[in-house]
């Protein structure tokens, strides 16, 4: 191997090393509170989109779902649970 080839190879490895280090996921666990009248299928794309962005429920994401089951008076009680 020629000296020039070795320098190019080492330079490329050194330049790429920080890119690999930045790609690591943080250990932070995100939490989302989700309140709705009731479960509807049109909420699913929201959660699928989060998965596509790399958020995995139970791994780096917790989604707390609360449904009022059509009773709007329940919303106030559901909201109070998270405000403590």
PDB file of N, CA and C in Angstrom:
ATOM      1  N   UNK A   1       0.850  -1.174   0.000  1.00  0.00           N
ATOM      2  CA  UNK A   1       0.000   0.000   0.000  1.00  0.00           C
ATOM      3  C   UNK A   1       0.897   1.239   0.000  1.00  0.00           C
ATOM      4  N   UNK A   2       0.557   2.168  -0.833  1.00  0.00           N
ATOM      5  CA  UNK A   2       1.346   3.386  -0.910  1.00  0.00           C
ATOM      6  C   UNK A   2       0.978   4.329   0.224  1.00  0.00           C
ATOM      7  N   UNK A   3       1.887   5.154   0.575  1.00  0.00           N
ATOM      8  CA  UNK A   3       1.703   6.110   1.670  1.00  0.00           C
ATOM      9  C   UNK A   3       0.488   7.009   1.421  1.00  0.00           C
ATOM     10  N   UNK A   4       0.315   7.466   0.194  1.00  0.00           N
ATOM     11  CA  UNK A   4      -0.807   8.346  -0.140  1.00  0.00           C
ATOM     12  C   UNK A   4      -2.136   7.623   0.075  1.00  0.00           C
ATOM     13  N   UNK A   5      -2.226   6.363  -0.323  1.00  0.00           N
ATOM     14  CA  UNK A   5      -3.448   5.578  -0.137  1.00  0.00           C
ATOM     15  C   UNK A   5      -3.768   5.412   1.343  1.00  0.00           C
ATOM     16  N   UNK A   6      -2.738   5.168   2.146  1.00  0.00           N
ATOM     17  CA  UNK A   6      -2.930   5.010   3.584  1.00  0.00           C
ATOM     18  C   UNK A   6      -3.458   6.306   4.207  1.00  0.00           C
ATOM     19  N   UNK A   7      -2.916   7.432   3.797  1.00  0.00           N
ATOM     20  CA  UNK A   7      -3.354   8.722   4.335  1.00  0.00           C
ATOM     21  C   UNK A   7      -4.806   8.997   3.957  1.00  0.00           C
ATOM     22  N   UNK A   8      -5.190   8.699   2.724  1.00  0.00           N
ATOM     23  CA  UNK A   8      -6.574   8.901   2.280  1.00  0.00           C
ATOM     24  C   UNK A   8      -7.511   7.990   3.060  1.00  0.00           C
ATOM     25  N   UNK A   9      -7.138   6.737   3.243  1.00  0.00           N
ATOM     26  CA  UNK A   9      -7.960   5.782   3.982  1.00  0.00           C
ATOM     27  C   UNK A   9      -8.148   6.221   5.433  1.00  0.00           C
ATOM     28  N   UNK A  10      -7.089   6.614   6.091  1.00  0.00           N
ATOM     29  CA  UNK A  10      -7.177   7.056   7.486  1.00  0.00           C
ATOM     30  C   UNK A  10      -7.972   8.356   7.591  1.00  0.00           C
ATOM     31  N   UNK A  11      -7.757   9.278   6.654  1.00  0.00           N
ATOM     32  CA  UNK A  11      -8.489  10.540   6.672  1.00  0.00           C
ATOM     33  C   UNK A  11      -9.984  10.333   6.507  1.00  0.00           C
ATOM     34  N   UNK A  12     -10.370   9.413   5.626  1.00  0.00           N
ATOM     35  CA  UNK A  12     -11.793   9.104   5.429  1.00  0.00           C
ATOM     36  C   UNK A  12     -12.422   8.495   6.677  1.00  0.00           C
ATOM     37  N   UNK A  13     -11.689   7.606   7.346  1.00  0.00           N
ATOM     38  CA  UNK A  13     -12.197   6.993   8.575  1.00  0.00           C
ATOM     39  C   UNK A  13     -12.353   8.002   9.693  1.00  0.00           C
ATOM     40  N   UNK A  14     -11.390   8.892   9.811  1.00  0.00           N
ATOM     41  CA  UNK A  14     -11.455   9.921  10.852  1.00  0.00           C
ATOM     42  C   UNK A  14     -12.599  10.889  10.576  1.00  0.00           C
ATOM     43  N   UNK A  15     -12.831  11.228   9.309  1.00  0.00           N
ATOM     44  CA  UNK A  15     -13.914  12.146   8.956  1.00  0.00           C
ATOM     45  C   UNK A  15     -15.281  11.514   9.201  1.00  0.00           C
ATOM     46  N   UNK A  16     -15.419  10.207   8.990  1.00  0.00           N
ATOM     47  CA  UNK A  16     -16.707   9.532   9.155  1.00  0.00           C
ATOM     48  C   UNK A  16     -17.008   9.181  10.598  1.00  0.00           C
ATOM     49  N   UNK A  17     -16.026   9.118  11.451  1.00  0.00           N
ATOM     50  CA  UNK A  17     -16.222   8.691  12.833  1.00  0.00           C
ATOM     51  C   UNK A  17     -17.226   9.554  13.597  1.00  0.00           C
ATOM     52  N   UNK A  18     -17.174  10.886  13.549  1.00  0.00           N
ATOM     53  CA  UNK A  18     -18.163  11.685  14.278  1.00  0.00           C
ATOM     54  C   UNK A  18     -19.591  11.486  13.777  1.00  0.00           C
ATOM     55  N   UNK A  19     -19.772  11.167  12.499  1.00  0.00           N
ATOM     56  CA  UNK A  19     -21.113  10.942  11.966  1.00  0.00           C
ATOM     57  C   UNK A  19     -21.754   9.718  12.600  1.00  0.00           C
ATOM     58  N   UNK A  20     -20.995   8.680  12.807  1.00  0.00           N
ATOM     59  CA  UNK A  20     -21.517   7.485  13.459  1.00  0.00           C
ATOM     60  C   UNK A  20     -21.855   7.745  14.915  1.00  0.00           C
ATOM     61  N   UNK A  21     -21.077   8.557  15.579  1.00  0.00           N
ATOM     62  CA  UNK A  21     -21.333   8.865  16.988  1.00  0.00           C
ATOM     63  C   UNK A  21     -22.603   9.695  17.139  1.00  0.00           C
ATOM     64  N   UNK A  22     -22.876  10.589  16.200  1.00  0.00           N
ATOM     65  CA  UNK A  22     -24.074  11.424  16.285  1.00  0.00           C
ATOM     66  C   UNK A  22     -25.339  10.637  16.018  1.00  0.00           C
ATOM     67  N   UNK A  23     -25.267   9.533  15.331  1.00  0.00           N
ATOM     68  CA  UNK A  23     -26.445   8.762  14.966  1.00  0.00           C
ATOM     69  C   UNK A  23     -27.016   7.969  16.135  1.00  0.00           C
ATOM     70  N   UNK A  24     -26.311   7.907  17.252  1.00  0.00           N
ATOM     71  CA  UNK A  24     -26.808   7.146  18.391  1.00  0.00           C
ATOM     72  C   UNK A  24     -28.045   7.816  18.979  1.00  0.00           C
ATOM     73  N   UNK A  25     -29.008   7.000  19.380  1.00  0.00           N
ATOM     74  CA  UNK A  25     -30.233   7.503  19.990  1.00  0.00           C
ATOM     75  C   UNK A  25     -29.970   7.934  21.422  1.00  0.00           C
ATOM     76  N   UNK A  26     -30.664   8.965  21.842  1.00  0.00           N
ATOM     77  CA  UNK A  26     -30.538   9.382  23.231  1.00  0.00           C
ATOM     78  C   UNK A  26     -31.319   8.411  24.111  1.00  0.00           C
ATOM     79  N   UNK A  27     -31.002   8.381  25.375  1.00  0.00           N
ATOM     80  CA  UNK A  27     -31.667   7.460  26.288  1.00  0.00           C
ATOM     81  C   UNK A  27     -32.905   8.098  26.908  1.00  0.00           C
ATOM     82  N   UNK A  28     -33.277   9.290  26.468  1.00  0.00           N
ATOM     83  CA  UNK A  28     -34.443   9.968  27.010  1.00  0.00           C
ATOM     84  C   UNK A  28     -35.715   9.230  26.606  1.00  0.00           C
ATOM     85  N   UNK A  29     -36.623   9.105  27.533  1.00  0.00           N
ATOM     86  CA  UNK A  29     -37.921   8.498  27.257  1.00  0.00           C
ATOM     87  C   UNK A  29     -38.948   9.621  27.222  1.00  0.00           C
ATOM     88  N   UNK A  30     -39.600   9.772  26.086  1.00  0.00           N
ATOM     89  CA  UNK A  30     -40.602  10.811  25.897  1.00  0.00           C
ATOM     90  C   UNK A  30     -41.960  10.293  26.344  1.00  0.00           C
ATOM     91  N   UNK A  31     -42.788  11.191  26.851  1.00  0.00           N
ATOM     92  CA  UNK A  31     -44.115  10.821  27.332  1.00  0.00           C
ATOM     93  C   UNK A  31     -45.141  11.723  26.655  1.00  0.00           C
ATOM     94  N   UNK A  32     -46.190  11.108  26.104  1.00  0.00           N
ATOM     95  CA  UNK A  32     -47.278  11.837  25.460  1.00  0.00           C
ATOM     96  C   UNK A  32     -48.567  11.473  26.178  1.00  0.00           C
ATOM     97  N   UNK A  33     -49.348  12.485  26.533  1.00  0.00           N
ATOM     98  CA  UNK A  33     -50.688  12.282  27.076  1.00  0.00           C
ATOM     99  C   UNK A  33     -51.690  12.502  25.960  1.00  0.00           C
ATOM    100  N   UNK A  34     -52.553  11.542  25.727  1.00  0.00           N
ATOM    101  CA  UNK A  34     -53.501  11.596  24.619  1.00  0.00           C
ATOM    102  C   UNK A  34     -54.905  11.442  25.184  1.00  0.00           C
ATOM    103  N   UNK A  35     -55.724  12.487  25.045  1.00  0.00           N
ATOM    104  CA  UNK A  35     -57.105  12.472  25.539  1.00  0.00           C
ATOM    105  C   UNK A  35     -58.039  12.627  24.351  1.00  0.00           C
ATOM    106  N   UNK A  36     -59.054  11.768  24.270  1.00  0.00           N
ATOM    107  CA  UNK A  36     -60.016  11.835  23.168  1.00  0.00           C
ATOM    108  C   UNK A  36     -61.382  11.362  23.660  1.00  0.00           C
ATOM    109  N   UNK A  37     -62.396  11.626  22.852  1.00  0.00           N
ATOM    110  CA  UNK A  37     -63.752  11.174  23.205  1.00  0.00           C
ATOM    111  C   UNK A  37     -63.812   9.660  23.310  1.00  0.00           C
ATOM    112  N   UNK A  38     -63.278   8.999  22.299  1.00  0.00           N
ATOM    113  CA  UNK A  38     -63.249   7.531  22.267  1.00  0.00           C
ATOM    114  C   UNK A  38     -62.204   7.131  21.240  1.00  0.00           C
ATOM    115  N   UNK A  39     -61.855   5.872  21.216  1.00  0.00           N
ATOM    116  CA  UNK A  39     -60.897   5.399  20.226  1.00  0.00           C
ATOM    117  C   UNK A  39     -61.519   5.511  18.837  1.00  0.00           C
ATOM    118  N   UNK A  40     -60.756   6.043  17.911  1.00  0.00           N
ATOM    119  CA  UNK A  40     -61.159   6.130  16.507  1.00  0.00           C
ATOM    120  C   UNK A  40     -59.979   5.659  15.665  1.00  0.00           C
ATOM    121  N   UNK A  41     -60.261   5.027  14.543  1.00  0.00           N
ATOM    122  CA  UNK A  41     -59.192   4.523  13.678  1.00  0.00           C
ATOM    123  C   UNK A  41     -58.327   5.635  13.110  1.00  0.00           C
ATOM    124  N   UNK A  42     -58.878   6.843  12.961  1.00  0.00           N
ATOM    125  CA  UNK A  42     -58.082   7.909  12.349  1.00  0.00           C
ATOM    126  C   UNK A  42     -56.986   8.431  13.271  1.00  0.00           C
ATOM    127  N   UNK A  43     -56.900   7.959  14.524  1.00  0.00           N
ATOM    128  CA  UNK A  43     -55.771   8.295  15.402  1.00  0.00           C
ATOM    129  C   UNK A  43     -54.544   7.431  15.073  1.00  0.00           C
ATOM    130  N   UNK A  44     -54.767   6.261  14.489  1.00  0.00           N
ATOM    131  CA  UNK A  44     -53.675   5.322  14.226  1.00  0.00           C
ATOM    132  C   UNK A  44     -52.540   5.903  13.388  1.00  0.00           C
ATOM    133  N   UNK A  45     -52.812   6.694  12.341  1.00  0.00           N
ATOM    134  CA  UNK A  45     -51.682   7.256  11.569  1.00  0.00           C
ATOM    135  C   UNK A  45     -50.757   8.137  12.419  1.00  0.00           C
ATOM    136  N   UNK A  46     -51.283   8.793  13.433  1.00  0.00           N
ATOM    137  CA  UNK A  46     -50.424   9.581  14.331  1.00  0.00           C
ATOM    138  C   UNK A  46     -49.397   8.676  14.995  1.00  0.00           C
ATOM    139  N   UNK A  47     -49.849   7.583  15.554  1.00  0.00           N
ATOM    140  CA  UNK A  47     -48.947   6.679  16.258  1.00  0.00           C
ATOM    141  C   UNK A  47     -48.033   5.936  15.286  1.00  0.00           C
ATOM    142  N   UNK A  48     -48.524   5.623  14.087  1.00  0.00           N
ATOM    143  CA  UNK A  48     -47.673   5.004  13.067  1.00  0.00           C
ATOM    144  C   UNK A  48     -46.580   5.971  12.626  1.00  0.00           C
ATOM    145  N   UNK A  49     -46.926   7.250  12.490  1.00  0.00           N
ATOM    146  CA  UNK A  49     -45.933   8.256  12.123  1.00  0.00           C
ATOM    147  C   UNK A  49     -44.835   8.380  13.161  1.00  0.00           C
ATOM    148  N   UNK A  50     -45.199   8.297  14.431  1.00  0.00           N
ATOM    149  CA  UNK A  50     -44.193   8.333  15.489  1.00  0.00           C
ATOM    150  C   UNK A  50     -43.245   7.139  15.376  1.00  0.00           C
ATOM    151  N   UNK A  51     -43.802   5.965  15.063  1.00  0.00           N
ATOM    152  CA  UNK A  51     -42.958   4.774  14.891  1.00  0.00           C
ATOM    153  C   UNK A  51     -42.007   4.958  13.709  1.00  0.00           C
ATOM    154  N   UNK A  52     -42.495   5.545  12.616  1.00  0.00           N
ATOM    155  CA  UNK A  52     -41.646   5.770  11.453  1.00  0.00           C
ATOM    156  C   UNK A  52     -40.515   6.745  11.765  1.00  0.00           C
ATOM    157  N   UNK A  53     -40.736   7.654  12.707  1.00  0.00           N
ATOM    158  CA  UNK A  53     -39.703   8.607  13.106  1.00  0.00           C
ATOM    159  C   UNK A  53     -38.718   8.023  14.119  1.00  0.00           C
ATOM    160  N   UNK A  54     -38.936   6.761  14.509  1.00  0.00           N
ATOM    161  CA  UNK A  54     -37.984   6.098  15.396  1.00  0.00           C
ATOM    162  C   UNK A  54     -38.423   6.022  16.843  1.00  0.00           C
ATOM    163  N   UNK A  55     -39.650   6.433  17.138  1.00  0.00           N
ATOM    164  CA  UNK A  55     -40.148   6.354  18.507  1.00  0.00           C
ATOM    165  C   UNK A  55     -40.863   5.017  18.683  1.00  0.00           C
ATOM    166  N   UNK A  56     -40.393   4.225  19.631  1.00  0.00           N
ATOM    167  CA  UNK A  56     -40.972   2.909  19.873  1.00  0.00           C
ATOM    168  C   UNK A  56     -41.606   2.906  21.258  1.00  0.00           C
ATOM    169  N   UNK A  57     -42.892   2.617  21.285  1.00  0.00           N
ATOM    170  CA  UNK A  57     -43.606   2.585  22.553  1.00  0.00           C
ATOM    171  C   UNK A  57     -43.003   1.522  23.464  1.00  0.00           C
ATOM    172  N   UNK A  58     -42.712   1.913  24.697  1.00  0.00           N
ATOM    173  CA  UNK A  58     -42.087   1.020  25.650  1.00  0.00           C
ATOM    174  C   UNK A  58     -40.569   1.072  25.623  1.00  0.00           C
ATOM    175  N   UNK A  59     -39.990   1.671  24.576  1.00  0.00           N
ATOM    176  CA  UNK A  59     -38.543   1.763  24.465  1.00  0.00           C
ATOM    177  C   UNK A  59     -38.070   3.196  24.719  1.00  0.00           C
ATOM    178  N   UNK A  60     -38.521   4.134  23.886  1.00  0.00           N
ATOM    179  CA  UNK A  60     -38.153   5.533  24.080  1.00  0.00           C
ATOM    180  C   UNK A  60     -39.380   6.445  24.063  1.00  0.00           C
ATOM    181  N   UNK A  61     -40.570   5.842  24.184  1.00  0.00           N
ATOM    182  CA  UNK A  61     -41.816   6.596  24.149  1.00  0.00           C
ATOM    183  C   UNK A  61     -42.865   5.919  25.016  1.00  0.00           C
ATOM    184  N   UNK A  62     -43.550   6.721  25.795  1.00  0.00           N
ATOM    185  CA  UNK A  62     -44.703   6.242  26.567  1.00  0.00           C
ATOM    186  C   UNK A  62     -45.888   7.093  26.145  1.00  0.00           C
ATOM    187  N   UNK A  63     -46.947   6.442  25.690  1.00  0.00           N
ATOM    188  CA  UNK A  63     -48.167   7.151  25.327  1.00  0.00           C
ATOM    189  C   UNK A  63     -49.236   6.760  26.328  1.00  0.00           C
ATOM    190  N   UNK A  64     -49.708   7.747  27.072  1.00  0.00           N
ATOM    191  CA  UNK A  64     -50.792   7.504  28.028  1.00  0.00           C
ATOM    192  C   UNK A  64     -52.088   7.942  27.362  1.00  0.00           C
ATOM    193  N   UNK A  65     -52.878   6.961  26.991  1.00  0.00           N
ATOM    194  CA  UNK A  65     -54.143   7.229  26.311  1.00  0.00           C
ATOM    195  C   UNK A  65     -55.271   7.241  27.327  1.00  0.00           C
ATOM    196  N   UNK A  66     -56.123   8.246  27.220  1.00  0.00           N
ATOM    197  CA  UNK A  66     -57.319   8.328  28.067  1.00  0.00           C
ATOM    198  C   UNK A  66     -58.495   8.669  27.174  1.00  0.00           C
ATOM    199  N   UNK A  67     -59.569   7.940  27.334  1.00  0.00           N
ATOM    200  CA  UNK A  67     -60.758   8.162  26.523  1.00  0.00           C
ATOM    201  C   UNK A  67     -61.930   8.487  27.439  1.00  0.00           C
ATOM    202  N   UNK A  68     -62.701   9.495  27.032  1.00  0.00           N
ATOM    203  CA  UNK A  68     -63.855   9.925  27.823  1.00  0.00           C
ATOM    204  C   UNK A  68     -65.076   9.060  27.544  1.00  0.00           C
ATOM    205  N   UNK A  69     -64.982   8.168  26.605  1.00  0.00           N
ATOM    206  CA  UNK A  69     -66.083   7.264  26.228  1.00  0.00           C
ATOM    207  C   UNK A  69     -67.366   8.039  25.920  1.00  0.00           C
ATOM    208  N   UNK A  70     -67.228   9.181  25.243  1.00  0.00           N
ATOM    209  CA  UNK A  70     -68.385   9.963  24.825  1.00  0.00           C
ATOM    210  C   UNK A  70     -68.969  10.862  25.896  1.00  0.00           C
ATOM    211  N   UNK A  71     -68.435  10.811  27.103  1.00  0.00           N
ATOM    212  CA  UNK A  71     -68.943  11.611  28.224  1.00  0.00           C
ATOM    213  C   UNK A  71     -68.011  12.810  28.426  1.00  0.00           C
ATOM    214  N   UNK A  72     -68.411  13.986  27.956  1.00  0.00           N
ATOM    215  CA  UNK A  72     -67.539  15.161  28.000  1.00  0.00           C
ATOM    216  C   UNK A  72     -67.207  15.605  29.413  1.00  0.00           C
ATOM    217  N   UNK A  73     -68.021  15.273  30.398  1.00  0.00           N
ATOM    218  CA  UNK A  73     -67.715  15.645  31.786  1.00  0.00           C
ATOM    219  C   UNK A  73     -66.455  14.928  32.293  1.00  0.00           C
ATOM    220  N   UNK A  74     -66.116  13.814  31.693  1.00  0.00           N
ATOM    221  CA  UNK A  74     -64.933  13.061  32.118  1.00  0.00           C
ATOM    222  C   UNK A  74     -63.627  13.749  31.746  1.00  0.00           C
ATOM    223  N   UNK A  75     -63.653  14.668  30.763  1.00  0.00           N
ATOM    224  CA  UNK A  75     -62.420  15.318  30.331  1.00  0.00           C
ATOM    225  C   UNK A  75     -61.713  16.042  31.465  1.00  0.00           C
ATOM    226  N   UNK A  76     -62.459  16.751  32.282  1.00  0.00           N
ATOM    227  CA  UNK A  76     -61.838  17.502  33.381  1.00  0.00           C
ATOM    228  C   UNK A  76     -61.112  16.554  34.337  1.00  0.00           C
ATOM    229  N   UNK A  77     -61.718  15.448  34.664  1.00  0.00           N
ATOM    230  CA  UNK A  77     -61.077  14.476  35.550  1.00  0.00           C
ATOM    231  C   UNK A  77     -59.856  13.821  34.927  1.00  0.00           C
ATOM    232  N   UNK A  78     -59.911  13.555  33.624  1.00  0.00           N
ATOM    233  CA  UNK A  78     -58.773  12.948  32.943  1.00  0.00           C
ATOM    234  C   UNK A  78     -57.590  13.910  32.914  1.00  0.00           C
ATOM    235  N   UNK A  79     -57.852  15.200  32.694  1.00  0.00           N
ATOM    236  CA  UNK A  79     -56.799  16.189  32.632  1.00  0.00           C
ATOM    237  C   UNK A  79     -56.133  16.356  34.003  1.00  0.00           C
ATOM    238  N   UNK A  80     -56.897  16.311  35.062  1.00  0.00           N
ATOM    239  CA  UNK A  80     -56.349  16.499  36.421  1.00  0.00           C
ATOM    240  C   UNK A  80     -55.343  15.413  36.779  1.00  0.00           C
ATOM    241  N   UNK A  81     -55.516  14.215  36.263  1.00  0.00           N
ATOM    242  CA  UNK A  81     -54.593  13.128  36.588  1.00  0.00           C
ATOM    243  C   UNK A  81     -53.171  13.455  36.169  1.00  0.00           C
ATOM    244  N   UNK A  82     -53.000  14.190  35.060  1.00  0.00           N
ATOM    245  CA  UNK A  82     -51.658  14.494  34.559  1.00  0.00           C
ATOM    246  C   UNK A  82     -51.097  15.779  35.115  1.00  0.00           C
ATOM    247  N   UNK A  83     -51.888  16.625  35.686  1.00  0.00           N
ATOM    248  CA  UNK A  83     -51.384  17.937  36.104  1.00  0.00           C
ATOM    249  C   UNK A  83     -50.692  17.897  37.460  1.00  0.00           C
ATOM    250  N   UNK A  84     -50.653  16.769  38.132  1.00  0.00           N
ATOM    251  CA  UNK A  84     -49.979  16.682  39.437  1.00  0.00           C
ATOM    252  C   UNK A  84     -48.486  16.609  39.302  1.00  0.00           C
TER     253      UNK A  84
END
